[in-house]
Amino acid sequence: MLQQTQVSRVVVKYGEFLERFPTLEHVARAKPSRVMEAWEGLGYYARARNLHRLAREVTSGSGTSAARLPAEPEVLSELPGIGAYTAGAVASFAYERRAALVDTNVARVLKRVFAPKVQIKTTKGQRMVWGIAEAILPRTGRATWMHNQALMELGALICTARIARCDQCPVRSYCATGSKPSGRRAT
C-alpha cells in the first residue's frame, strides 16, 4: 500500500484492509472485486490485482490459512507485483535475510555518499546503486535488517531530497559529496 502512496493515506486503509482480510488465505478466497473495493482510495489498482493474484499463488495447495511468503528475494521477485525493492524489503525485514533494497531515499544516500556523479534515474545508474547496496551489506541478516532500516531513515530524515543536513549526518566523514553546511540545498 505504501508504494507511491503517502503514509497518511495508508494508515487507516491498512487497518481496515487487515480487518477484512486478516490472512493471505482470506485475500485469496475473496472475489477480486472485493479486494479492489477494500483498496479504494489508494490508487494504483494494479497493486490490488497483483496482491490478489499473489495471495492465490502463495496459498494454492497450502490448504491452510498459515500460508507464508517465501523468504528468499529471488523467489519473492517471481510473485505477481513483487519487484526488486519489495523482494529485498520482505526478505530483510520479515525474515532477517541478507538482502539489498533500494528505494528513492536509499538511492539518494548511496549516490551522495559513494557516487555523486551517477545519474540514478538511468538504467546504468540504477545498476550502479543496486551494486553499491549489495556491496555494503553486512554479513548477517539481522545486521542487514538494521542496516537497511538505517539507510532508509537516513534518506528520509537527514539526507533528504530538498535539504542535505550534512552536519547531522553520521556518515559525513565517508561521504564523497563532502561535508556541507546544514540546510544546504540538495543536488
Protein backbone atom coordinates (compact mmCIF):
# COMPACT_ATOMS: atom_id res chain seq x y z
CA MET A 1 0.00 0.00 0.00
CA LEU A 2 2.86 2.37 0.66
CA GLN A 3 4.25 2.15 -2.87
CA GLN A 4 3.79 5.66 -4.27
CA THR A 5 1.15 6.48 -1.64
CA GLN A 6 1.60 8.74 1.39
CA VAL A 7 1.64 7.12 4.82
CA SER A 8 -1.20 9.39 5.98
CA ARG A 9 -3.47 7.92 3.28
CA VAL A 10 -2.45 4.34 4.05
CA VAL A 11 -2.70 4.22 7.86
CA VAL A 12 -6.49 3.96 8.11
CA LYS A 13 -6.87 1.83 4.98
CA TYR A 14 -4.26 -0.66 6.18
CA GLY A 15 -6.14 -1.35 9.41
CA GLU A 16 -9.44 -1.66 7.57
CA PHE A 17 -7.89 -3.98 4.99
CA LEU A 18 -6.43 -6.28 7.67
CA GLU A 19 -9.78 -6.43 9.47
CA ARG A 20 -11.42 -7.52 6.25
CA PHE A 21 -8.59 -9.80 5.08
CA PRO A 22 -6.52 -10.92 8.11
CA THR A 23 -4.55 -13.57 6.17
CA LEU A 24 -3.35 -14.27 2.65
CA GLU A 25 -5.93 -17.06 2.54
CA HIS A 26 -8.70 -14.51 3.12
CA VAL A 27 -7.38 -12.38 0.26
CA ALA A 28 -7.08 -15.44 -2.00
CA ARG A 29 -10.64 -16.60 -1.32
CA ALA A 30 -12.14 -13.15 -1.89
CA LYS A 31 -13.58 -12.10 -5.21
CA PRO A 32 -11.23 -9.69 -6.99
CA SER A 33 -13.93 -7.01 -6.83
CA ARG A 34 -13.97 -7.21 -3.01
CA VAL A 35 -10.20 -6.72 -2.84
CA MET A 36 -10.49 -3.76 -5.22
CA GLU A 37 -13.30 -2.30 -3.11
CA ALA A 38 -11.16 -2.56 0.04
CA TRP A 39 -8.30 -0.85 -1.83
CA GLU A 40 -10.50 2.05 -2.97
CA GLY A 41 -8.95 5.46 -2.41
CA LEU A 42 -5.34 4.29 -2.59
CA GLY A 43 -4.98 4.42 -6.37
CA TYR A 44 -2.66 2.29 -8.47
CA TYR A 45 -5.23 -0.51 -8.56
CA ALA A 46 -2.83 -2.88 -10.31
CA ARG A 47 -1.30 -3.31 -6.84
CA ALA A 48 -4.60 -4.68 -5.52
CA ARG A 49 -4.98 -7.01 -8.50
CA ASN A 50 -1.40 -8.23 -8.05
CA LEU A 51 -1.94 -8.74 -4.31
CA HIS A 52 -4.96 -10.90 -5.07
CA ARG A 53 -3.02 -12.92 -7.66
CA LEU A 54 -0.06 -13.24 -5.26
CA ALA A 55 -2.33 -14.48 -2.45
CA ARG A 56 -3.88 -17.07 -4.73
CA GLU A 57 -0.48 -18.25 -5.92
CA VAL A 58 1.03 -18.47 -2.43
CA THR A 59 -1.99 -20.22 -0.90
CA SER A 60 -2.79 -22.62 -3.74
CA GLY A 61 -2.36 -26.13 -2.48
CA SER A 62 -1.42 -24.99 1.03
CA GLY A 63 -4.81 -25.92 2.47
CA THR A 64 -4.11 -23.63 5.42
CA SER A 65 -4.56 -20.03 6.44
CA ALA A 66 -0.95 -20.07 7.61
CA ALA A 67 0.42 -19.71 4.09
CA ARG A 68 3.56 -17.57 4.07
CA LEU A 69 5.52 -15.57 1.59
CA PRO A 70 8.86 -17.08 0.61
CA ALA A 71 11.90 -15.75 2.47
CA GLU A 72 14.36 -15.54 -0.42
CA PRO A 73 14.36 -12.37 -2.56
CA GLU A 74 14.90 -14.33 -5.79
CA VAL A 75 11.74 -16.39 -5.14
CA LEU A 76 9.75 -13.39 -3.90
CA SER A 77 10.51 -11.42 -7.07
CA GLU A 78 8.83 -14.13 -9.14
CA LEU A 79 5.48 -13.41 -7.48
CA PRO A 80 2.92 -11.04 -9.03
CA GLY A 81 3.59 -7.40 -8.16
CA ILE A 82 6.87 -8.04 -6.33
CA GLY A 83 9.81 -6.09 -7.71
CA ALA A 84 13.40 -5.97 -6.54
CA TYR A 85 12.77 -3.41 -3.79
CA THR A 86 9.76 -5.22 -2.30
CA ALA A 87 11.54 -8.58 -2.50
CA GLY A 88 14.54 -7.14 -0.66
CA ALA A 89 12.35 -5.40 1.91
CA VAL A 90 10.27 -8.51 2.69
CA ALA A 91 13.34 -10.76 2.86
CA SER A 92 15.24 -8.29 5.04
CA PHE A 93 12.52 -7.01 7.36
CA ALA A 94 10.22 -10.03 7.66
CA TYR A 95 12.80 -12.81 7.57
CA GLU A 96 16.06 -11.06 8.52
CA ARG A 97 17.72 -12.28 5.33
CA ARG A 98 20.79 -10.66 3.83
CA ALA A 99 19.09 -8.72 1.04
CA ALA A 100 19.65 -5.32 -0.51
CA LEU A 101 16.83 -2.87 -1.07
CA VAL A 102 16.90 0.43 -2.88
CA ASP A 103 14.03 2.89 -2.65
CA THR A 104 14.19 6.58 -3.52
CA ASN A 105 15.71 7.54 -0.16
CA VAL A 106 18.32 4.78 -0.20
CA ALA A 107 19.27 5.59 -3.81
CA ARG A 108 19.82 9.23 -2.86
CA VAL A 109 22.01 8.34 0.13
CA LEU A 110 24.10 5.85 -1.84
CA LYS A 111 24.54 8.32 -4.70
CA ARG A 112 25.64 11.14 -2.42
CA VAL A 113 27.94 9.03 -0.26
CA PHE A 114 29.54 6.78 -2.89
CA ALA A 115 28.82 8.02 -6.42
CA PRO A 116 27.80 11.69 -6.61
CA LYS A 117 28.19 11.84 -10.39
CA VAL A 118 25.95 8.85 -11.15
CA GLN A 119 22.59 9.55 -12.79
CA ILE A 120 20.30 7.40 -10.66
CA LYS A 121 17.32 7.77 -13.00
CA THR A 122 19.12 5.87 -15.76
CA THR A 123 19.32 2.10 -16.11
CA LYS A 124 23.10 2.26 -15.73
CA GLY A 125 22.74 4.45 -12.65
CA GLN A 126 20.19 2.09 -11.11
CA ARG A 127 22.50 -0.89 -11.69
CA MET A 128 25.35 1.01 -10.06
CA VAL A 129 23.29 2.00 -7.00
CA TRP A 130 21.97 -1.56 -6.56
CA GLY A 131 25.55 -2.84 -6.88
CA ILE A 132 26.66 -0.47 -4.13
CA ALA A 133 23.71 -1.57 -1.96
CA GLU A 134 24.73 -5.21 -2.40
CA ALA A 135 28.42 -4.49 -1.78
CA ILE A 136 27.91 -2.72 1.54
CA LEU A 137 25.50 -5.24 3.08
CA PRO A 138 26.54 -6.59 6.47
CA ARG A 139 27.33 -10.29 6.66
CA THR A 140 24.28 -11.39 8.67
CA GLY A 141 20.57 -10.99 8.11
CA ARG A 142 19.90 -9.42 11.49
CA ALA A 143 22.58 -6.79 10.89
CA THR A 144 21.23 -6.30 7.36
CA TRP A 145 17.77 -5.56 8.77
CA MET A 146 19.20 -2.76 10.90
CA HIS A 147 21.48 -1.53 8.09
CA ASN A 148 18.60 -1.29 5.59
CA GLN A 149 16.36 0.46 8.10
CA ALA A 150 19.15 2.93 8.92
CA LEU A 151 19.73 3.75 5.24
CA MET A 152 16.03 4.37 4.71
CA GLU A 153 15.80 6.59 7.80
CA LEU A 154 18.98 8.48 6.87
CA GLY A 155 17.46 9.33 3.49
CA ALA A 156 14.07 10.23 4.96
CA LEU A 157 15.28 12.38 7.86
CA ILE A 158 18.85 13.68 7.28
CA CYS A 159 19.94 13.28 3.67
CA THR A 160 16.64 14.45 2.26
CA ALA A 161 15.81 15.35 -1.33
CA ARG A 162 15.32 19.04 -0.59
CA ILE A 163 17.92 19.66 2.13
CA ALA A 164 21.09 17.72 2.89
CA ARG A 165 21.79 18.09 6.61
CA CYS A 166 25.42 17.09 6.32
CA ASP A 167 26.42 18.44 9.74
CA GLN A 168 23.96 15.94 11.29
CA CYS A 169 24.96 13.01 9.08
CA PRO A 170 26.60 10.02 10.80
CA VAL A 171 28.49 9.08 7.60
CA ARG A 172 29.68 12.55 6.55
CA SER A 173 33.34 11.65 7.07
CA TYR A 174 32.97 8.93 4.41
CA CYS A 175 30.76 10.89 2.03
CA ALA A 176 32.07 11.50 -1.48
CA THR A 177 29.84 14.57 -1.78
CA GLY A 178 31.78 16.17 1.06
CA SER A 179 30.75 17.88 4.25
CA LYS A 180 28.37 20.76 3.64
CA PRO A 181 26.80 23.25 5.99
CA SER A 182 23.39 22.39 7.44
CA GLY A 183 20.46 23.49 5.35
CA ARG A 184 22.34 23.27 2.06
CA ARG A 185 20.01 22.77 -0.86
CA ALA A 186 20.44 19.22 -2.06
CA THR A 187 21.57 18.36 -5.58
